[in-house]
Protein backbone atom coordinates (compact mmCIF):
# COMPACT_ATOMS: atom_id res chain seq x y z
CA UNK A 1 -4.10 338.89 -27.43
CA UNK A 2 -6.33 336.08 -26.05
CA UNK A 3 -5.20 334.38 -22.89
CA UNK A 4 -3.83 330.87 -23.12
CA UNK A 5 -5.72 328.14 -21.28
CA UNK A 6 -3.88 325.43 -19.43
CA UNK A 7 -4.44 321.78 -20.26
CA UNK A 8 -6.35 321.43 -17.00
CA UNK A 9 -8.68 324.27 -17.99
CA UNK A 10 -9.22 322.69 -21.38
CA UNK A 11 -10.06 319.26 -20.00
CA UNK A 12 -13.72 319.96 -19.11
CA UNK A 13 -14.31 321.22 -22.64
CA UNK A 14 -12.58 318.19 -24.12
CA UNK A 15 -14.64 315.82 -21.99
CA UNK A 16 -17.85 317.62 -22.92
CA UNK A 17 -16.91 317.30 -26.58
CA UNK A 18 -16.33 313.56 -26.23
CA UNK A 19 -19.63 313.10 -24.41
CA UNK A 20 -21.58 315.07 -27.00
CA UNK A 21 -20.00 313.20 -29.90
CA UNK A 22 -20.95 309.83 -28.41
CA UNK A 23 -24.43 311.05 -27.51
CA UNK A 24 -24.88 312.21 -31.09
CA UNK A 25 -23.86 308.77 -32.33
CA UNK A 26 -26.04 306.81 -29.92
CA UNK A 27 -29.02 309.08 -29.42
CA UNK A 28 -32.03 309.83 -31.57
CA UNK A 29 -32.49 307.44 -34.50
CA UNK A 30 -29.05 305.91 -34.18
CA UNK A 31 -28.16 302.38 -35.12
CA UNK A 32 -24.96 303.11 -36.94
CA UNK A 33 -22.83 301.12 -34.52
CA UNK A 34 -22.97 297.44 -35.31
CA UNK A 35 -22.89 294.30 -33.20
CA UNK A 36 -19.53 293.28 -31.82
CA UNK A 37 -17.55 290.13 -32.37
CA UNK A 38 -16.35 289.63 -28.80
CA UNK A 39 -17.62 287.04 -26.32
CA UNK A 40 -21.35 287.60 -26.33
CA UNK A 41 -23.04 289.21 -23.34
CA UNK A 42 -24.56 286.64 -21.01
CA UNK A 43 -22.71 283.77 -22.66
CA UNK A 44 -21.52 280.77 -20.73
CA UNK A 45 -20.56 277.19 -21.55
CA UNK A 46 -24.09 277.00 -22.95
CA UNK A 47 -23.90 280.25 -24.89
CA UNK A 48 -27.12 281.01 -26.70
CA UNK A 49 -29.36 278.83 -24.56
CA UNK A 50 -32.36 280.27 -22.73
CA UNK A 51 -30.50 280.54 -19.43
CA UNK A 52 -27.69 282.55 -21.05
CA UNK A 53 -30.18 284.92 -22.68
CA UNK A 54 -31.99 285.44 -19.37
CA UNK A 55 -28.72 286.12 -17.57
CA UNK A 56 -27.65 288.56 -20.26
CA UNK A 57 -30.95 290.43 -20.02
CA UNK A 58 -30.60 290.66 -16.24
CA UNK A 59 -27.04 291.97 -16.66
CA UNK A 60 -28.29 294.78 -18.88
CA UNK A 61 -30.52 295.83 -15.99
CA UNK A 62 -28.23 295.18 -13.04
CA UNK A 63 -24.87 296.19 -14.53
CA UNK A 64 -25.69 298.67 -17.28
CA UNK A 65 -28.66 300.32 -15.57
CA UNK A 66 -31.40 299.91 -18.18
CA UNK A 67 -34.83 300.01 -16.50
CA UNK A 68 -36.10 297.07 -18.52
CA UNK A 69 -35.18 294.61 -21.25
CA UNK A 70 -37.49 292.62 -23.48
CA UNK A 71 -36.42 290.19 -26.16
CA UNK A 72 -37.76 287.61 -28.59
CA UNK A 73 -35.69 284.76 -30.00
CA UNK A 74 -36.73 282.49 -32.87
CA UNK A 75 -34.88 279.25 -33.64
CA UNK A 76 -34.40 277.44 -36.92
CA UNK A 77 -37.73 275.64 -36.51
CA UNK A 78 -39.71 278.82 -36.01
CA UNK A 79 -40.20 278.32 -32.28
CA UNK A 80 -40.19 281.63 -30.38
CA UNK A 81 -39.22 282.43 -26.80
CA UNK A 82 -39.87 285.73 -25.08
CA UNK A 83 -37.66 287.21 -22.34
CA UNK A 84 -38.04 290.10 -19.93
CA UNK A 85 -35.95 291.64 -17.16
CA UNK A 86 -36.25 294.70 -14.96
CA UNK A 87 -39.32 296.83 -14.39
CA UNK A 88 -41.85 298.00 -16.95
CA UNK A 89 -42.79 301.05 -14.88
CA UNK A 90 -40.28 302.23 -12.29
CA UNK A 91 -42.93 304.24 -10.47
CA UNK A 92 -45.45 301.43 -9.99
CA UNK A 93 -43.09 298.45 -10.20
CA UNK A 94 -45.20 296.87 -12.93
CA UNK A 95 -43.83 293.84 -14.73
CA UNK A 96 -42.26 294.15 -18.16
CA UNK A 97 -44.85 292.95 -20.70
CA UNK A 98 -43.69 290.10 -22.89
CA UNK A 99 -43.44 291.25 -26.50
CA UNK A 100 -44.57 294.76 -25.53
CA UNK A 101 -44.56 297.57 -28.05
CA UNK A 102 -41.45 299.75 -28.33
CA UNK A 103 -40.30 302.53 -30.62
CA UNK A 104 -38.23 300.94 -33.37
CA UNK A 105 -35.85 303.84 -34.08
CA UNK A 106 -33.57 303.14 -37.03
CA UNK A 107 -34.89 299.65 -37.61
CA UNK A 108 -37.41 301.72 -39.57
CA UNK A 109 -34.70 302.29 -42.18
CA UNK A 110 -34.88 298.66 -43.26
CA UNK A 111 -38.64 299.07 -43.83
CA UNK A 112 -38.08 302.31 -45.75
CA UNK A 113 -35.38 300.75 -47.91
CA UNK A 114 -37.68 297.82 -48.65
CA UNK A 115 -40.40 300.16 -49.91
CA UNK A 116 -37.96 302.01 -52.18
CA UNK A 117 -36.66 298.69 -53.53
CA UNK A 118 -40.21 297.54 -54.21
CA UNK A 119 -40.64 300.67 -56.31
CA UNK A 120 -37.41 299.75 -58.08
CA UNK A 121 -38.90 296.33 -58.81
CA UNK A 122 -42.04 298.01 -60.14
CA UNK A 123 -39.93 300.05 -62.56
CA UNK A 124 -40.87 303.35 -60.93
CA UNK A 125 -37.45 304.12 -59.44
CA UNK A 126 -33.89 303.37 -60.57
CA UNK A 127 -31.21 302.82 -57.94
CA UNK A 128 -28.44 304.55 -59.86
CA UNK A 129 -30.55 307.47 -61.02
CA UNK A 130 -29.82 310.85 -59.42
CA UNK A 131 -32.28 311.82 -56.70
CA UNK A 132 -32.69 315.06 -58.65
CA UNK A 133 -34.70 313.11 -61.24
CA UNK A 134 -37.43 312.43 -58.72
CA UNK A 135 -37.09 315.43 -56.40
CA UNK A 136 -35.86 318.28 -58.63
CA UNK A 137 -34.48 321.27 -56.80
CA UNK A 138 -34.81 319.70 -53.33
CA UNK A 139 -31.22 318.97 -52.33
CA UNK A 140 -29.17 322.12 -52.32
CA UNK A 141 -26.45 323.22 -49.92
CA UNK A 142 -22.83 324.14 -49.45
CA UNK A 143 -20.55 321.59 -51.09
CA UNK A 144 -23.46 319.25 -51.90
CA UNK A 145 -23.02 317.76 -55.35
CA UNK A 146 -26.72 317.26 -55.93
CA UNK A 147 -26.30 316.13 -59.54
CA UNK A 148 -24.38 313.03 -58.43
CA UNK A 149 -26.33 311.81 -55.38
CA UNK A 150 -28.19 308.67 -56.42
CA UNK A 151 -31.00 306.70 -54.81
CA UNK A 152 -28.44 304.01 -53.98
CA UNK A 153 -26.29 306.61 -52.19
CA UNK A 154 -29.24 307.48 -49.96
CA UNK A 155 -30.06 303.90 -48.98
CA UNK A 156 -26.41 302.98 -48.46
CA UNK A 157 -25.33 306.11 -46.54
CA UNK A 158 -22.79 307.08 -49.16
CA UNK A 159 -24.40 310.38 -50.23
CA UNK A 160 -22.34 312.76 -48.11
CA UNK A 161 -25.49 314.52 -46.89
CA UNK A 162 -24.92 316.09 -43.46
CA UNK A 163 -26.70 314.77 -40.35
CA UNK A 164 -29.74 316.72 -39.13
CA UNK A 165 -30.17 315.10 -35.70
CA UNK A 166 -27.23 317.01 -34.22
CA UNK A 167 -29.32 320.17 -34.49
CA UNK A 168 -32.04 318.65 -32.30
CA UNK A 169 -29.87 318.82 -29.16
CA UNK A 170 -29.37 316.17 -26.50
CA UNK A 171 -32.23 317.01 -24.11
CA UNK A 172 -35.22 314.98 -25.31
CA UNK A 173 -37.66 316.72 -22.99
CA UNK A 174 -37.23 320.02 -24.82
CA UNK A 175 -38.51 318.54 -28.08
CA UNK A 176 -40.74 315.65 -26.94
CA UNK A 177 -43.92 317.51 -27.98
CA UNK A 178 -42.46 319.29 -31.01
CA UNK A 179 -43.79 318.34 -34.44
CA UNK A 180 -41.18 318.30 -37.20
CA UNK A 181 -42.21 318.35 -40.83
CA UNK A 182 -39.73 316.24 -42.86
CA UNK A 183 -38.88 319.27 -44.98
CA UNK A 184 -37.96 321.07 -41.74
CA UNK A 185 -35.51 318.36 -40.66
CA UNK A 186 -34.06 318.31 -44.17
CA UNK A 187 -33.52 322.08 -43.98
CA UNK A 188 -31.61 321.56 -40.72
CA UNK A 189 -29.27 319.21 -42.55
CA UNK A 190 -28.86 321.37 -45.64
CA UNK A 191 -27.78 324.32 -43.52
CA UNK A 192 -24.54 322.38 -42.92
CA UNK A 193 -21.70 321.63 -45.33
CA UNK A 194 -21.61 318.36 -47.22
CA UNK A 195 -19.74 315.69 -45.32
CA UNK A 196 -17.98 314.33 -48.43
CA UNK A 197 -18.41 313.76 -52.16
CA UNK A 198 -21.13 311.27 -53.18
CA UNK A 199 -19.80 307.73 -53.16
CA UNK A 200 -16.47 308.66 -51.57
CA UNK A 201 -17.10 306.80 -48.32
CA UNK A 202 -19.73 305.38 -45.97
CA UNK A 203 -21.06 307.53 -43.16
CA UNK A 204 -24.34 307.04 -41.34
CA UNK A 205 -26.76 309.94 -41.78
CA UNK A 206 -30.44 309.95 -40.91
CA UNK A 207 -30.92 312.68 -43.49
CA UNK A 208 -30.59 310.07 -46.24
CA UNK A 209 -33.76 308.37 -45.12
CA UNK A 210 -35.75 311.56 -44.76
CA UNK A 211 -34.99 312.15 -48.45
CA UNK A 212 -35.87 308.52 -49.22
CA UNK A 213 -39.26 309.02 -47.56
CA UNK A 214 -39.89 312.17 -49.59
CA UNK A 215 -38.94 310.27 -52.73
CA UNK A 216 -41.52 307.57 -51.95
CA UNK A 217 -44.19 310.21 -51.47
CA UNK A 218 -43.31 311.95 -54.74
CA UNK A 219 -43.32 308.73 -56.78
CA UNK A 220 -46.47 307.20 -55.25
CA UNK A 221 -48.35 310.48 -54.63
CA UNK A 222 -49.43 309.06 -51.26
CA UNK A 223 -48.33 309.70 -47.63
CA UNK A 224 -45.25 307.71 -46.70
CA UNK A 225 -46.85 305.99 -43.70
CA UNK A 226 -49.76 304.78 -45.82
CA UNK A 227 -47.43 303.37 -48.45
CA UNK A 228 -45.30 301.60 -45.85
CA UNK A 229 -48.37 300.14 -44.16
CA UNK A 230 -49.94 298.86 -47.37
CA UNK A 231 -46.74 297.51 -48.90
CA UNK A 232 -45.01 295.94 -45.87
CA UNK A 233 -46.84 295.97 -42.54
CA UNK A 234 -50.20 294.55 -43.66
CA UNK A 235 -48.93 291.98 -46.18
CA UNK A 236 -46.62 290.48 -43.54
CA UNK A 237 -49.35 290.45 -40.87
CA UNK A 238 -47.36 292.63 -38.47
CA UNK A 239 -50.37 293.24 -36.22
CA UNK A 240 -48.42 294.98 -33.46
CA UNK A 241 -46.49 297.30 -35.79
CA UNK A 242 -47.86 300.65 -36.90
CA UNK A 243 -46.98 304.04 -38.33
CA UNK A 244 -47.98 306.77 -35.82
CA UNK A 245 -50.42 309.34 -37.11
CA UNK A 246 -49.46 313.01 -37.29
CA UNK A 247 -49.61 314.33 -33.74
CA UNK A 248 -49.83 310.87 -32.16
CA UNK A 249 -47.49 310.87 -29.18
CA UNK A 250 -48.55 307.89 -27.08
CA UNK A 251 -47.94 304.20 -27.74
CA UNK A 252 -51.21 302.47 -28.56
CA UNK A 253 -51.04 299.07 -26.91
CA UNK A 254 -49.31 297.29 -24.03
CA UNK A 255 -45.76 298.56 -23.62
CA UNK A 256 -43.04 299.13 -21.04
CA UNK A 257 -42.44 302.77 -20.30
CA UNK A 258 -39.43 304.34 -21.98
CA UNK A 259 -37.05 306.61 -20.06
CA UNK A 260 -34.75 309.48 -20.91
CA UNK A 261 -32.54 311.96 -19.12
CA UNK A 262 -31.77 315.63 -19.61
CA UNK A 263 -28.05 314.88 -19.48
CA UNK A 264 -25.99 311.71 -20.00
CA UNK A 265 -26.25 309.45 -16.96
CA UNK A 266 -28.75 311.78 -15.28
CA UNK A 267 -31.98 310.93 -13.50
CA UNK A 268 -34.23 308.83 -15.71
CA UNK A 269 -37.71 310.19 -16.40
CA UNK A 270 -40.64 308.76 -18.32
CA UNK A 271 -40.51 309.83 -21.96
CA UNK A 272 -42.85 307.21 -23.41
CA UNK A 273 -45.07 310.00 -24.71
CA UNK A 274 -43.10 311.55 -27.56
CA UNK A 275 -43.80 313.06 -30.95
CA UNK A 276 -41.80 310.75 -33.25
CA UNK A 277 -41.91 313.10 -36.23
CA UNK A 278 -38.30 313.98 -35.41
CA UNK A 279 -37.53 310.53 -36.82
CA UNK A 280 -40.08 310.10 -39.63
CA UNK A 281 -38.90 307.70 -42.39
CA UNK A 282 -35.58 307.30 -40.57
CA UNK A 283 -37.04 305.97 -37.32
CA UNK A 284 -40.72 306.57 -36.50
CA UNK A 285 -42.20 303.05 -36.39
CA UNK A 286 -43.68 301.41 -33.29
CA UNK A 287 -43.36 297.63 -33.17
CA UNK A 288 -42.59 294.61 -30.96
CA UNK A 289 -39.60 292.24 -30.74
CA UNK A 290 -41.60 289.43 -32.36
CA UNK A 291 -42.73 291.63 -35.23
CA UNK A 292 -39.17 292.79 -35.88
CA UNK A 293 -38.05 289.16 -36.05
CA UNK A 294 -40.91 288.39 -38.42
CA UNK A 295 -40.04 291.35 -40.64
CA UNK A 296 -36.32 290.62 -40.94
CA UNK A 297 -36.98 286.89 -41.47
CA UNK A 298 -39.48 287.68 -44.22
CA UNK A 299 -37.19 290.27 -45.77
CA UNK A 300 -34.18 287.98 -45.96
CA UNK A 301 -36.42 285.05 -46.87
CA UNK A 302 -37.63 286.68 -50.08
CA UNK A 303 -41.18 287.50 -49.00
CA UNK A 304 -40.82 291.27 -49.32
CA UNK A 305 -38.62 291.83 -52.36
CA UNK A 306 -37.96 290.16 -55.69
CA UNK A 307 -34.68 288.26 -55.94
CA UNK A 308 -32.97 291.02 -57.94
CA UNK A 309 -33.85 293.75 -55.43
CA UNK A 310 -32.95 291.58 -52.43
CA UNK A 311 -29.55 290.95 -54.04
CA UNK A 312 -29.07 294.73 -54.35
CA UNK A 313 -30.09 295.19 -50.71
CA UNK A 314 -27.49 292.63 -49.60
CA UNK A 315 -24.70 294.16 -51.72
CA UNK A 316 -22.59 295.84 -49.07
CA UNK A 317 -19.80 298.33 -48.52
CA UNK A 318 -17.47 298.58 -45.54
CA UNK A 319 -19.16 300.34 -42.63
CA UNK A 320 -16.41 300.48 -40.03
CA UNK A 321 -16.62 304.23 -39.43
CA UNK A 322 -18.29 304.89 -36.08
CA UNK A 323 -18.19 301.18 -35.27
CA UNK A 324 -15.89 299.38 -32.81
CA UNK A 325 -16.24 296.24 -34.93
CA UNK A 326 -14.08 295.42 -37.95
CA UNK A 327 -15.67 293.76 -40.98
CA UNK A 328 -19.08 295.35 -40.43
CA UNK A 329 -20.76 296.12 -43.74
CA UNK A 330 -23.87 297.98 -44.88
CA UNK A 331 -26.12 297.21 -47.81
CA UNK A 332 -29.29 299.15 -48.60
CA UNK A 333 -30.89 299.69 -45.20
CA UNK A 334 -29.25 296.58 -43.81
CA UNK A 335 -26.16 295.77 -41.74
CA UNK A 336 -24.17 292.57 -42.25
CA UNK A 337 -22.04 291.54 -39.30
CA UNK A 338 -19.96 288.37 -38.88
CA UNK A 339 -20.64 286.68 -35.54
CA UNK A 340 -18.34 284.70 -33.27
CA UNK A 341 -20.19 281.47 -34.13
CA UNK A 342 -19.34 281.78 -37.83
CA UNK A 343 -22.71 283.10 -38.98
CA UNK A 344 -23.57 286.42 -40.57
CA UNK A 345 -26.21 288.55 -38.88
CA UNK A 346 -28.40 290.61 -41.21
CA UNK A 347 -30.41 293.34 -39.53
CA UNK A 348 -30.32 296.79 -38.04
CA UNK A 349 -30.33 298.69 -34.77
CA UNK A 350 -32.45 301.55 -33.58
CA UNK A 351 -32.37 304.27 -30.95
CA UNK A 352 -34.95 306.92 -30.21
CA UNK A 353 -35.41 308.60 -26.85
CA UNK A 354 -36.84 306.02 -24.47
CA UNK A 355 -35.93 302.86 -26.40
CA UNK A 356 -32.91 301.15 -27.93
CA UNK A 357 -33.21 298.00 -30.03
CA UNK A 358 -31.11 295.62 -32.05
CA UNK A 359 -32.48 293.00 -34.45
CA UNK A 360 -31.10 290.48 -36.88
CA UNK A 361 -31.48 287.14 -38.62
CA UNK A 362 -28.98 284.54 -39.78
CA UNK A 363 -28.89 282.82 -43.14
CA UNK A 364 -30.09 279.57 -41.55
CA UNK A 365 -33.24 281.15 -40.11
CA UNK A 366 -32.44 282.17 -36.55
CA UNK A 367 -33.69 285.59 -35.43
CA UNK A 368 -33.41 287.73 -32.32
CA UNK A 369 -34.44 291.17 -31.15
CA UNK A 370 -33.31 292.81 -27.92
CA UNK A 371 -34.91 296.04 -26.72
CA UNK A 372 -34.15 298.26 -23.73
CA UNK A 373 -36.27 301.04 -22.27
CA UNK A 374 -33.62 303.76 -22.31
CA UNK A 375 -30.76 304.81 -24.51
CA UNK A 376 -27.19 303.87 -23.68
CA UNK A 377 -26.46 307.59 -23.61
CA UNK A 378 -29.16 308.05 -20.95
CA UNK A 379 -27.98 305.38 -18.51
CA UNK A 380 -24.25 306.19 -18.72
CA UNK A 381 -22.42 309.48 -18.18
CA UNK A 382 -19.02 308.72 -19.70
CA UNK A 383 -18.43 308.04 -23.42
CA UNK A 384 -16.67 304.75 -22.74
CA UNK A 385 -19.55 303.49 -20.57
CA UNK A 386 -22.14 304.58 -23.15
CA UNK A 387 -20.34 302.60 -25.82
CA UNK A 388 -20.09 299.55 -23.56
CA UNK A 389 -23.79 299.61 -22.70
CA UNK A 390 -24.66 300.02 -26.38
CA UNK A 391 -22.45 297.09 -27.33
CA UNK A 392 -23.89 294.88 -24.58
CA UNK A 393 -27.32 295.11 -26.19
CA UNK A 394 -25.86 293.91 -29.45
CA UNK A 395 -23.76 291.24 -27.76
CA UNK A 396 -26.91 289.80 -26.18
CA UNK A 397 -28.43 289.51 -29.66
CA UNK A 398 -25.35 287.51 -30.64
CA UNK A 399 -25.78 285.29 -27.58
CA UNK A 400 -29.37 284.64 -28.58
CA UNK A 401 -28.65 283.50 -32.15
CA UNK A 402 -25.31 281.70 -31.69
CA UNK A 403 -26.57 278.25 -30.78
């Protein structure tokens, strides 16, 4: 008969479980937690003004422990202000470059969804068609109802496909130089049971967007990165945004260094050099705060999609699971979050080892992107502190647009 453990003996295991669950939510490719509706970070009597944004950025460094923060804010008239705080290189003490390049993480999903929806507009893909139509025999696994998973389910995170990133572990330094073929990450996911029946609920899963990328390649018969570049990046003039080549681990142009840790809240080490194939169509892009603002403004402004496809993208379902914020909703690669100033914020978030970002635009044309040079799960050891740090990034975005 096995021995019984006391509650005290069980506590370390319970704590480790809580830490790992939060790390899984906030670490590689994440963005599933949405902006909060509380008093925005850095706000004051002049909430949203440049002084409040600067103070909020400094607080992310001084209070939350992020090495650096960089942000870009665009007002209704199209005027842009850049902000920086902290240190761009903790070893040399170099300044944080304004509008420096960062890894976009799950903001990539909005780009990927836009490409799929363009193909819908071209009549090459149908949103409510089973994925099996385009990728026959690909999605198979225990409890996975592959006949019912539609393209819409993928883009809206309602497919029930299990999450592959949990199999990557929480130590980024063990996999920083590892190349992952998208079929390999999909196999990691399909080795797990289905999370739920297609359409039964919303649950964020990066696996959905790996499949979406494979669908784009099958339909266009071209590499996903090429399609994304030719359909979105170049037409919008996003000169500082690019799709890394296979095997490309550095960041091409001026950028603050990104930092990671082998354990939550551990010593931060430079992890700027990283093979982003672990993210692929779910989070591989490199970009800048200004380019993210430009993309989301163009997307919501009708420059990327036809009116019918943009309407589909903005048709949302409740996305409260995994989020501390009520009333958060998710469309097709797009979060909608009500802000404290009465506006809706349309955008996404992104986390990949070394960088965490949050971007969004309002219906009246304001846009903001905030980026940090470490994950919340790298700068904090306890689950509650990780969640707070994560939320503070999003709260600063709210401060920036609520004017």
